[in-house]
Amino acid sequence: MDWTAHFVIYRIGAENKLEEVYRADGLKQAKYWLTYIAQPGDVLCKTPVHPKHSKNSARPEYWSHKAQSGTPASKEEEWQLIAKAKNCEQLFPESQEG
């Protein structure tokens, strides 16, 4: 399925795989969800339909994540450490879930 939303939030779920938990067209909606609803470790990405996506691939690109402290953070290396600790493959999917 082609990308329709500008932003998507993933959670490391069952079998240590990334699962889409939310999608939004606007940054305001995405940040609200990340701040107030997301769980620590959830990651917010911009999708290939976002105007600031690099267009280097069909995969979403990191924007920010929810830190273990419960606050939003924007250091991709920190999120990669969280994903690695949970044995999660850090490649984002090439298409949007149904």
PDB file of N, CA and C in Angstrom:
ATOM      1  N   MET A   1       0.841  -1.183   0.000  1.00  0.00           N
ATOM      2  CA  MET A   1       0.000   0.000   0.000  1.00  0.00           C
ATOM      3  C   MET A   1       0.885   1.244   0.000  1.00  0.00           C
ATOM      4  N   ASP A   2       0.519   2.219  -0.787  1.00  0.00           N
ATOM      5  CA  ASP A   2       1.287   3.460  -0.853  1.00  0.00           C
ATOM      6  C   ASP A   2       1.109   4.278   0.419  1.00  0.00           C
ATOM      7  N   TRP A   3       2.045   5.162   0.660  1.00  0.00           N
ATOM      8  CA  TRP A   3       1.984   6.025   1.828  1.00  0.00           C
ATOM      9  C   TRP A   3       0.906   7.077   1.627  1.00  0.00           C
ATOM     10  N   THR A   4       0.094   7.306   2.662  1.00  0.00           N
ATOM     11  CA  THR A   4      -0.958   8.314   2.582  1.00  0.00           C
ATOM     12  C   THR A   4      -0.765   9.416   3.619  1.00  0.00           C
ATOM     13  N   ALA A   5      -0.223   9.102   4.769  1.00  0.00           N
ATOM     14  CA  ALA A   5      -0.026  10.077   5.846  1.00  0.00           C
ATOM     15  C   ALA A   5       1.399  10.612   5.830  1.00  0.00           C
ATOM     16  N   HIS A   6       1.562  11.836   6.301  1.00  0.00           N
ATOM     17  CA  HIS A   6       2.896  12.438   6.363  1.00  0.00           C
ATOM     18  C   HIS A   6       3.735  11.888   7.510  1.00  0.00           C
ATOM     19  N   PHE A   7       3.065  11.473   8.577  1.00  0.00           N
ATOM     20  CA  PHE A   7       3.772  10.972   9.758  1.00  0.00           C
ATOM     21  C   PHE A   7       3.191   9.630  10.192  1.00  0.00           C
ATOM     22  N   VAL A   8       4.052   8.808  10.762  1.00  0.00           N
ATOM     23  CA  VAL A   8       3.627   7.522  11.300  1.00  0.00           C
ATOM     24  C   VAL A   8       4.406   7.267  12.590  1.00  0.00           C
ATOM     25  N   ILE A   9       3.736   6.649  13.561  1.00  0.00           N
ATOM     26  CA  ILE A   9       4.400   6.286  14.819  1.00  0.00           C
ATOM     27  C   ILE A   9       4.415   4.769  14.917  1.00  0.00           C
ATOM     28  N   TYR A  10       5.601   4.253  15.227  1.00  0.00           N
ATOM     29  CA  TYR A  10       5.784   2.808  15.387  1.00  0.00           C
ATOM     30  C   TYR A  10       6.098   2.489  16.834  1.00  0.00           C
ATOM     31  N   ARG A  11       5.744   1.266  17.217  1.00  0.00           N
ATOM     32  CA  ARG A  11       6.047   0.724  18.544  1.00  0.00           C
ATOM     33  C   ARG A  11       6.733  -0.625  18.336  1.00  0.00           C
ATOM     34  N   ILE A  12       7.687  -0.924  19.174  1.00  0.00           N
ATOM     35  CA  ILE A  12       8.307  -2.239  19.135  1.00  0.00           C
ATOM     36  C   ILE A  12       7.352  -3.183  19.844  1.00  0.00           C
ATOM     37  N   GLY A  13       6.764  -4.075  19.075  1.00  0.00           N
ATOM     38  CA  GLY A  13       5.713  -4.928  19.606  1.00  0.00           C
ATOM     39  C   GLY A  13       6.103  -6.384  19.670  1.00  0.00           C
ATOM     40  N   ALA A  14       5.115  -7.223  19.407  1.00  0.00           N
ATOM     41  CA  ALA A  14       5.299  -8.673  19.451  1.00  0.00           C
ATOM     42  C   ALA A  14       6.439  -9.097  18.539  1.00  0.00           C
ATOM     43  N   GLU A  15       7.167 -10.076  19.002  1.00  0.00           N
ATOM     44  CA  GLU A  15       8.302 -10.626  18.251  1.00  0.00           C
ATOM     45  C   GLU A  15       9.350  -9.566  17.928  1.00  0.00           C
ATOM     46  N   ASN A  16       9.374  -8.490  18.725  1.00  0.00           N
ATOM     47  CA  ASN A  16      10.362  -7.416  18.576  1.00  0.00           C
ATOM     48  C   ASN A  16      10.341  -6.782  17.197  1.00  0.00           C
ATOM     49  N   LYS A  17       9.163  -6.667  16.618  1.00  0.00           N
ATOM     50  CA  LYS A  17       9.011  -6.039  15.307  1.00  0.00           C
ATOM     51  C   LYS A  17       8.307  -4.697  15.459  1.00  0.00           C
ATOM     52  N   LEU A  18       8.591  -3.797  14.513  1.00  0.00           N
ATOM     53  CA  LEU A  18       7.931  -2.497  14.520  1.00  0.00           C
ATOM     54  C   LEU A  18       6.482  -2.649  14.069  1.00  0.00           C
ATOM     55  N   GLU A  19       5.574  -2.058  14.843  1.00  0.00           N
ATOM     56  CA  GLU A  19       4.152  -2.079  14.520  1.00  0.00           C
ATOM     57  C   GLU A  19       3.641  -0.648  14.451  1.00  0.00           C
ATOM     58  N   GLU A  20       2.908  -0.329  13.407  1.00  0.00           N
ATOM     59  CA  GLU A  20       2.328   1.005  13.286  1.00  0.00           C
ATOM     60  C   GLU A  20       1.219   1.160  14.322  1.00  0.00           C
ATOM     61  N   VAL A  21       1.277   2.259  15.098  1.00  0.00           N
ATOM     62  CA  VAL A  21       0.252   2.499  16.105  1.00  0.00           C
ATOM     63  C   VAL A  21      -0.530   3.783  15.845  1.00  0.00           C
ATOM     64  N   TYR A  22      -0.005   4.669  14.995  1.00  0.00           N
ATOM     65  CA  TYR A  22      -0.709   5.923  14.719  1.00  0.00           C
ATOM     66  C   TYR A  22      -0.157   6.523  13.442  1.00  0.00           C
ATOM     67  N   ARG A  23      -1.041   7.235  12.735  1.00  0.00           N
ATOM     68  CA  ARG A  23      -0.595   8.010  11.572  1.00  0.00           C
ATOM     69  C   ARG A  23      -1.285   9.356  11.590  1.00  0.00           C
ATOM     70  N   ALA A  24      -0.592  10.370  11.081  1.00  0.00           N
ATOM     71  CA  ALA A  24      -1.129  11.735  11.098  1.00  0.00           C
ATOM     72  C   ALA A  24      -0.649  12.481   9.859  1.00  0.00           C
ATOM     73  N   ASP A  25      -1.461  13.437   9.432  1.00  0.00           N
ATOM     74  CA  ASP A  25      -1.060  14.281   8.314  1.00  0.00           C
ATOM     75  C   ASP A  25      -0.304  15.513   8.779  1.00  0.00           C
ATOM     76  N   GLY A  26      -0.532  15.937  10.011  1.00  0.00           N
ATOM     77  CA  GLY A  26       0.118  17.140  10.507  1.00  0.00           C
ATOM     78  C   GLY A  26       1.060  16.873  11.661  1.00  0.00           C
ATOM     79  N   LEU A  27       2.081  17.712  11.765  1.00  0.00           N
ATOM     80  CA  LEU A  27       3.062  17.573  12.836  1.00  0.00           C
ATOM     81  C   LEU A  27       2.421  17.819  14.205  1.00  0.00           C
ATOM     82  N   LYS A  28       1.478  18.733  14.277  1.00  0.00           N
ATOM     83  CA  LYS A  28       0.826  19.030  15.553  1.00  0.00           C
ATOM     84  C   LYS A  28       0.136  17.782  16.112  1.00  0.00           C
ATOM     85  N   GLN A  29      -0.604  17.068  15.257  1.00  0.00           N
ATOM     86  CA  GLN A  29      -1.274  15.835  15.689  1.00  0.00           C
ATOM     87  C   GLN A  29      -0.254  14.782  16.102  1.00  0.00           C
ATOM     88  N   ALA A  30       0.782  14.630  15.307  1.00  0.00           N
ATOM     89  CA  ALA A  30       1.802  13.612  15.575  1.00  0.00           C
ATOM     90  C   ALA A  30       2.523  13.891  16.893  1.00  0.00           C
ATOM     91  N   LYS A  31       2.895  15.150  17.111  1.00  0.00           N
ATOM     92  CA  LYS A  31       3.590  15.496  18.355  1.00  0.00           C
ATOM     93  C   LYS A  31       2.677  15.324  19.571  1.00  0.00           C
ATOM     94  N   TYR A  32       1.398  15.669  19.433  1.00  0.00           N
ATOM     95  CA  TYR A  32       0.459  15.480  20.537  1.00  0.00           C
ATOM     96  C   TYR A  32       0.405  13.999  20.913  1.00  0.00           C
ATOM     97  N   TRP A  33       0.264  13.151  19.914  1.00  0.00           N
ATOM     98  CA  TRP A  33       0.167  11.716  20.170  1.00  0.00           C
ATOM     99  C   TRP A  33       1.444  11.205  20.826  1.00  0.00           C
ATOM    100  N   LEU A  34       2.591  11.643  20.296  1.00  0.00           N
ATOM    101  CA  LEU A  34       3.871  11.202  20.855  1.00  0.00           C
ATOM    102  C   LEU A  34       4.015  11.672  22.307  1.00  0.00           C
ATOM    103  N   THR A  35       3.586  12.887  22.598  1.00  0.00           N
ATOM    104  CA  THR A  35       3.749  13.458  23.933  1.00  0.00           C
ATOM    105  C   THR A  35       2.804  12.845  24.957  1.00  0.00           C
ATOM    106  N   TYR A  36       1.531  12.690  24.601  1.00  0.00           N
ATOM    107  CA  TYR A  36       0.529  12.331  25.596  1.00  0.00           C
ATOM    108  C   TYR A  36       0.019  10.891  25.543  1.00  0.00           C
ATOM    109  N   ILE A  37       0.179  10.213  24.424  1.00  0.00           N
ATOM    110  CA  ILE A  37      -0.414   8.884  24.285  1.00  0.00           C
ATOM    111  C   ILE A  37       0.634   7.788  24.097  1.00  0.00           C
ATOM    112  N   ALA A  38       1.686   8.092  23.392  1.00  0.00           N
ATOM    113  CA  ALA A  38       2.709   7.099  23.069  1.00  0.00           C
ATOM    114  C   ALA A  38       3.372   6.531  24.321  1.00  0.00           C
ATOM    115  N   GLN A  39       3.967   5.363  24.150  1.00  0.00           N
ATOM    116  CA  GLN A  39       4.717   4.712  25.217  1.00  0.00           C
ATOM    117  C   GLN A  39       6.204   4.956  24.996  1.00  0.00           C
ATOM    118  N   PRO A  40       7.003   4.921  26.068  1.00  0.00           N
ATOM    119  CA  PRO A  40       8.449   5.060  25.883  1.00  0.00           C
ATOM    120  C   PRO A  40       8.956   4.040  24.855  1.00  0.00           C
ATOM    121  N   GLY A  41       9.779   4.514  23.948  1.00  0.00           N
ATOM    122  CA  GLY A  41      10.312   3.672  22.882  1.00  0.00           C
ATOM    123  C   GLY A  41       9.583   3.844  21.563  1.00  0.00           C
ATOM    124  N   ASP A  42       8.368   4.416  21.574  1.00  0.00           N
ATOM    125  CA  ASP A  42       7.650   4.674  20.325  1.00  0.00           C
ATOM    126  C   ASP A  42       8.436   5.688  19.502  1.00  0.00           C
ATOM    127  N   VAL A  43       8.410   5.527  18.193  1.00  0.00           N
ATOM    128  CA  VAL A  43       9.199   6.385  17.312  1.00  0.00           C
ATOM    129  C   VAL A  43       8.299   7.047  16.269  1.00  0.00           C
ATOM    130  N   LEU A  44       8.485   8.343  16.103  1.00  0.00           N
ATOM    131  CA  LEU A  44       7.750   9.142  15.123  1.00  0.00           C
ATOM    132  C   LEU A  44       8.626   9.305  13.884  1.00  0.00           C
ATOM    133  N   CYS A  45       8.045   9.004  12.722  1.00  0.00           N
ATOM    134  CA  CYS A  45       8.784   9.093  11.463  1.00  0.00           C
ATOM    135  C   CYS A  45       8.033   9.932  10.450  1.00  0.00           C
ATOM    136  N   LYS A  46       8.777  10.571   9.565  1.00  0.00           N
ATOM    137  CA  LYS A  46       8.148  11.225   8.419  1.00  0.00           C
ATOM    138  C   LYS A  46       8.176  10.223   7.274  1.00  0.00           C
ATOM    139  N   THR A  47       7.079  10.134   6.552  1.00  0.00           N
ATOM    140  CA  THR A  47       6.954   9.151   5.475  1.00  0.00           C
ATOM    141  C   THR A  47       7.413   9.751   4.149  1.00  0.00           C
ATOM    142  N   PRO A  48       7.526   8.934   3.115  1.00  0.00           N
ATOM    143  CA  PRO A  48       7.949   9.439   1.812  1.00  0.00           C
ATOM    144  C   PRO A  48       7.033  10.507   1.207  1.00  0.00           C
ATOM    145  N   VAL A  49       5.791  10.664   1.678  1.00  0.00           N
ATOM    146  CA  VAL A  49       4.936  11.727   1.152  1.00  0.00           C
ATOM    147  C   VAL A  49       5.178  13.063   1.860  1.00  0.00           C
ATOM    148  N   HIS A  50       5.961  13.067   2.929  1.00  0.00           N
ATOM    149  CA  HIS A  50       6.294  14.309   3.627  1.00  0.00           C
ATOM    150  C   HIS A  50       7.259  15.120   2.766  1.00  0.00           C
ATOM    151  N   PRO A  51       7.042  16.440   2.646  1.00  0.00           N
ATOM    152  CA  PRO A  51       7.909  17.251   1.786  1.00  0.00           C
ATOM    153  C   PRO A  51       9.381  17.284   2.195  1.00  0.00           C
ATOM    154  N   LYS A  52       9.685  17.017   3.469  1.00  0.00           N
ATOM    155  CA  LYS A  52      11.089  17.047   3.916  1.00  0.00           C
ATOM    156  C   LYS A  52      11.728  15.665   3.957  1.00  0.00           C
ATOM    157  N   HIS A  53      11.049  14.658   3.441  1.00  0.00           N
ATOM    158  CA  HIS A  53      11.636  13.317   3.339  1.00  0.00           C
ATOM    159  C   HIS A  53      12.764  13.383   2.312  1.00  0.00           C
ATOM    160  N   SER A  54      13.851  12.701   2.560  1.00  0.00           N
ATOM    161  CA  SER A  54      15.019  12.778   1.667  1.00  0.00           C
ATOM    162  C   SER A  54      14.776  12.146   0.298  1.00  0.00           C
ATOM    163  N   LYS A  55      13.793  11.266   0.195  1.00  0.00           N
ATOM    164  CA  LYS A  55      13.467  10.539  -1.041  1.00  0.00           C
ATOM    165  C   LYS A  55      14.576   9.561  -1.441  1.00  0.00           C
ATOM    166  N   ASN A  56      15.472   9.238  -0.501  1.00  0.00           N
ATOM    167  CA  ASN A  56      16.539   8.269  -0.765  1.00  0.00           C
ATOM    168  C   ASN A  56      16.027   6.835  -0.773  1.00  0.00           C
ATOM    169  N   SER A  57      14.846   6.612  -0.192  1.00  0.00           N
ATOM    170  CA  SER A  57      14.261   5.274  -0.152  1.00  0.00           C
ATOM    171  C   SER A  57      12.752   5.405   0.014  1.00  0.00           C
ATOM    172  N   ALA A  58      12.078   4.271  -0.009  1.00  0.00           N
ATOM    173  CA  ALA A  58      10.622   4.255   0.201  1.00  0.00           C
ATOM    174  C   ALA A  58      10.273   4.069   1.675  1.00  0.00           C
ATOM    175  N   ARG A  59      11.272   4.098   2.536  1.00  0.00           N
ATOM    176  CA  ARG A  59      11.056   3.888   3.972  1.00  0.00           C
ATOM    177  C   ARG A  59      10.869   5.220   4.696  1.00  0.00           C
ATOM    178  N   PRO A  60      10.090   5.218   5.786  1.00  0.00           N
ATOM    179  CA  PRO A  60       9.987   6.420   6.622  1.00  0.00           C
ATOM    180  C   PRO A  60      11.356   6.758   7.222  1.00  0.00           C
ATOM    181  N   GLU A  61      11.494   7.993   7.637  1.00  0.00           N
ATOM    182  CA  GLU A  61      12.739   8.446   8.254  1.00  0.00           C
ATOM    183  C   GLU A  61      12.462   8.959   9.668  1.00  0.00           C
ATOM    184  N   TYR A  62      13.382   8.689  10.556  1.00  0.00           N
ATOM    185  CA  TYR A  62      13.273   9.089  11.961  1.00  0.00           C
ATOM    186  C   TYR A  62      13.017  10.588  12.080  1.00  0.00           C
ATOM    187  N   TRP A  63      12.092  10.938  13.003  1.00  0.00           N
ATOM    188  CA  TRP A  63      11.848  12.343  13.341  1.00  0.00           C
ATOM    189  C   TRP A  63      12.129  12.566  14.830  1.00  0.00           C
ATOM    190  N   SER A  64      11.506  11.738  15.674  1.00  0.00           N
ATOM    191  CA  SER A  64      11.745  11.810  17.118  1.00  0.00           C
ATOM    192  C   SER A  64      11.188  10.541  17.772  1.00  0.00           C
ATOM    193  N   HIS A  65      11.369  10.440  19.072  1.00  0.00           N
ATOM    194  CA  HIS A  65      10.855   9.273  19.787  1.00  0.00           C
ATOM    195  C   HIS A  65      10.480   9.675  21.215  1.00  0.00           C
ATOM    196  N   LYS A  66       9.796   8.773  21.906  1.00  0.00           N
ATOM    197  CA  LYS A  66       9.471   9.013  23.309  1.00  0.00           C
ATOM    198  C   LYS A  66      10.537   8.319  24.151  1.00  0.00           C
ATOM    199  N   ALA A  67      11.228   9.108  24.945  1.00  0.00           N
ATOM    200  CA  ALA A  67      12.323   8.595  25.765  1.00  0.00           C
ATOM    201  C   ALA A  67      11.787   7.789  26.947  1.00  0.00           C
ATOM    202  N   GLN A  68      12.660   7.060  27.602  1.00  0.00           N
ATOM    203  CA  GLN A  68      12.279   6.270  28.776  1.00  0.00           C
ATOM    204  C   GLN A  68      11.743   7.160  29.889  1.00  0.00           C
ATOM    205  N   SER A  69      12.157   8.418  29.902  1.00  0.00           N
ATOM    206  CA  SER A  69      11.677   9.364  30.917  1.00  0.00           C
ATOM    207  C   SER A  69      10.229   9.783  30.661  1.00  0.00           C
ATOM    208  N   GLY A  70       9.705   9.454  29.472  1.00  0.00           N
ATOM    209  CA  GLY A  70       8.333   9.809  29.139  1.00  0.00           C
ATOM    210  C   GLY A  70       8.200  11.110  28.376  1.00  0.00           C
ATOM    211  N   THR A  71       9.310  11.727  28.046  1.00  0.00           N
ATOM    212  CA  THR A  71       9.277  12.975  27.287  1.00  0.00           C
ATOM    213  C   THR A  71       9.767  12.733  25.864  1.00  0.00           C
ATOM    214  N   PRO A  72       9.326  13.539  24.909  1.00  0.00           N
ATOM    215  CA  PRO A  72       9.819  13.397  23.534  1.00  0.00           C
ATOM    216  C   PRO A  72      11.314  13.726  23.455  1.00  0.00           C
ATOM    217  N   ALA A  73      12.009  13.022  22.591  1.00  0.00           N
ATOM    218  CA  ALA A  73      13.438  13.231  22.388  1.00  0.00           C
ATOM    219  C   ALA A  73      13.711  13.198  20.888  1.00  0.00           C
ATOM    220  N   SER A  74      14.816  13.797  20.487  1.00  0.00           N
ATOM    221  CA  SER A  74      15.105  13.851  19.054  1.00  0.00           C
ATOM    222  C   SER A  74      16.514  13.391  18.704  1.00  0.00           C
ATOM    223  N   LYS A  75      17.052  12.496  19.500  1.00  0.00           N
ATOM    224  CA  LYS A  75      18.376  11.937  19.200  1.00  0.00           C
ATOM    225  C   LYS A  75      18.183  10.512  18.687  1.00  0.00           C
ATOM    226  N   GLU A  76      18.348  10.357  17.396  1.00  0.00           N
ATOM    227  CA  GLU A  76      18.101   9.057  16.766  1.00  0.00           C
ATOM    228  C   GLU A  76      18.960   7.961  17.376  1.00  0.00           C
ATOM    229  N   GLU A  77      20.175   8.291  17.761  1.00  0.00           N
ATOM    230  CA  GLU A  77      21.072   7.294  18.349  1.00  0.00           C
ATOM    231  C   GLU A  77      20.480   6.701  19.627  1.00  0.00           C
ATOM    232  N   GLU A  78      19.796   7.533  20.413  1.00  0.00           N
ATOM    233  CA  GLU A  78      19.166   7.039  21.638  1.00  0.00           C
ATOM    234  C   GLU A  78      18.068   6.031  21.310  1.00  0.00           C
ATOM    235  N   TRP A  79      17.253   6.339  20.289  1.00  0.00           N
ATOM    236  CA  TRP A  79      16.194   5.400  19.908  1.00  0.00           C
ATOM    237  C   TRP A  79      16.812   4.112  19.364  1.00  0.00           C
ATOM    238  N   GLN A  80      17.875   4.206  18.622  1.00  0.00           N
ATOM    239  CA  GLN A  80      18.519   3.002  18.094  1.00  0.00           C
ATOM    240  C   GLN A  80      19.010   2.108  19.221  1.00  0.00           C
ATOM    241  N   LEU A  81      19.482   2.690  20.307  1.00  0.00           N
ATOM    242  CA  LEU A  81      19.912   1.895  21.463  1.00  0.00           C
ATOM    243  C   LEU A  81      18.723   1.186  22.107  1.00  0.00           C
ATOM    244  N   ILE A  82      17.573   1.879  22.190  1.00  0.00           N
ATOM    245  CA  ILE A  82      16.357   1.260  22.732  1.00  0.00           C
ATOM    246  C   ILE A  82      15.965   0.071  21.861  1.00  0.00           C
ATOM    247  N   ALA A  83      15.945   0.279  20.537  1.00  0.00           N
ATOM    248  CA  ALA A  83      15.558  -0.785  19.609  1.00  0.00           C
ATOM    249  C   ALA A  83      16.529  -1.958  19.685  1.00  0.00           C
ATOM    250  N   LYS A  84      17.804  -1.648  19.777  1.00  0.00           N
ATOM    251  CA  LYS A  84      18.816  -2.709  19.846  1.00  0.00           C
ATOM    252  C   LYS A  84      18.655  -3.521  21.140  1.00  0.00           C
ATOM    253  N   ALA A  85      18.359  -2.848  22.242  1.00  0.00           N
ATOM    254  CA  ALA A  85      18.179  -3.534  23.518  1.00  0.00           C
ATOM    255  C   ALA A  85      16.981  -4.488  23.473  1.00  0.00           C
ATOM    256  N   LYS A  86      16.002  -4.180  22.618  1.00  0.00           N
ATOM    257  CA  LYS A  86      14.821  -5.042  22.476  1.00  0.00           C
ATOM    258  C   LYS A  86      14.953  -5.999  21.295  1.00  0.00           C
ATOM    259  N   ASN A  87      16.165  -6.090  20.737  1.00  0.00           N
ATOM    260  CA  ASN A  87      16.431  -6.964  19.587  1.00  0.00           C
ATOM    261  C   ASN A  87      15.502  -6.677  18.416  1.00  0.00           C
ATOM    262  N   CYS A  88      15.227  -5.405  18.192  1.00  0.00           N
ATOM    263  CA  CYS A  88      14.323  -4.999  17.120  1.00  0.00           C
ATOM    264  C   CYS A  88      15.126  -4.614  15.882  1.00  0.00           C
ATOM    265  N   GLU A  89      14.724  -5.171  14.753  1.00  0.00           N
ATOM    266  CA  GLU A  89      15.315  -4.743  13.492  1.00  0.00           C
ATOM    267  C   GLU A  89      14.910  -3.291  13.276  1.00  0.00           C
ATOM    268  N   GLN A  90      15.879  -2.445  13.001  1.00  0.00           N
ATOM    269  CA  GLN A  90      15.621  -1.018  12.967  1.00  0.00           C
ATOM    270  C   GLN A  90      15.238  -0.489  11.590  1.00  0.00           C
ATOM    271  N   LEU A  91      14.953  -1.350  10.643  1.00  0.00           N
ATOM    272  CA  LEU A  91      14.524  -0.896   9.326  1.00  0.00           C
ATOM    273  C   LEU A  91      13.024  -0.630   9.343  1.00  0.00           C
ATOM    274  N   PHE A  92      12.652   0.557   8.920  1.00  0.00           N
ATOM    275  CA  PHE A  92      11.239   0.882   8.829  1.00  0.00           C
ATOM    276  C   PHE A  92      10.656   0.228   7.575  1.00  0.00           C
ATOM    277  N   PRO A  93       9.365  -0.107   7.582  1.00  0.00           N
ATOM    278  CA  PRO A  93       8.754  -0.775   6.440  1.00  0.00           C
ATOM    279  C   PRO A  93       8.755   0.107   5.188  1.00  0.00           C
ATOM    280  N   GLU A  94       8.678  -0.554   4.027  1.00  0.00           N
ATOM    281  CA  GLU A  94       8.683   0.185   2.772  1.00  0.00           C
ATOM    282  C   GLU A  94       7.286   0.600   2.323  1.00  0.00           C
ATOM    283  N   SER A  95       6.265   0.154   3.031  1.00  0.00           N
ATOM    284  CA  SER A  95       4.908   0.557   2.675  1.00  0.00           C
ATOM    285  C   SER A  95       4.074   0.695   3.934  1.00  0.00           C
ATOM    286  N   GLN A  96       2.981   1.409   3.807  1.00  0.00           N
ATOM    287  CA  GLN A  96       2.098   1.649   4.934  1.00  0.00           C
ATOM    288  C   GLN A  96       1.162   0.481   5.146  1.00  0.00           C
ATOM    289  N   GLU A  97       0.900   0.179   6.404  1.00  0.00           N
ATOM    290  CA  GLU A  97      -0.029  -0.903   6.713  1.00  0.00           C
ATOM    291  C   GLU A  97      -1.430  -0.499   6.288  1.00  0.00           C
ATOM    292  N   GLY A  98      -2.267  -1.492   6.013  1.00  0.00           N
ATOM    293  CA  GLY A  98      -3.642  -1.269   5.567  1.00  0.00           C
ATOM    294  C   GLY A  98      -4.418  -0.454   6.449  1.00  0.00           C
TER     295      GLY A  98
END
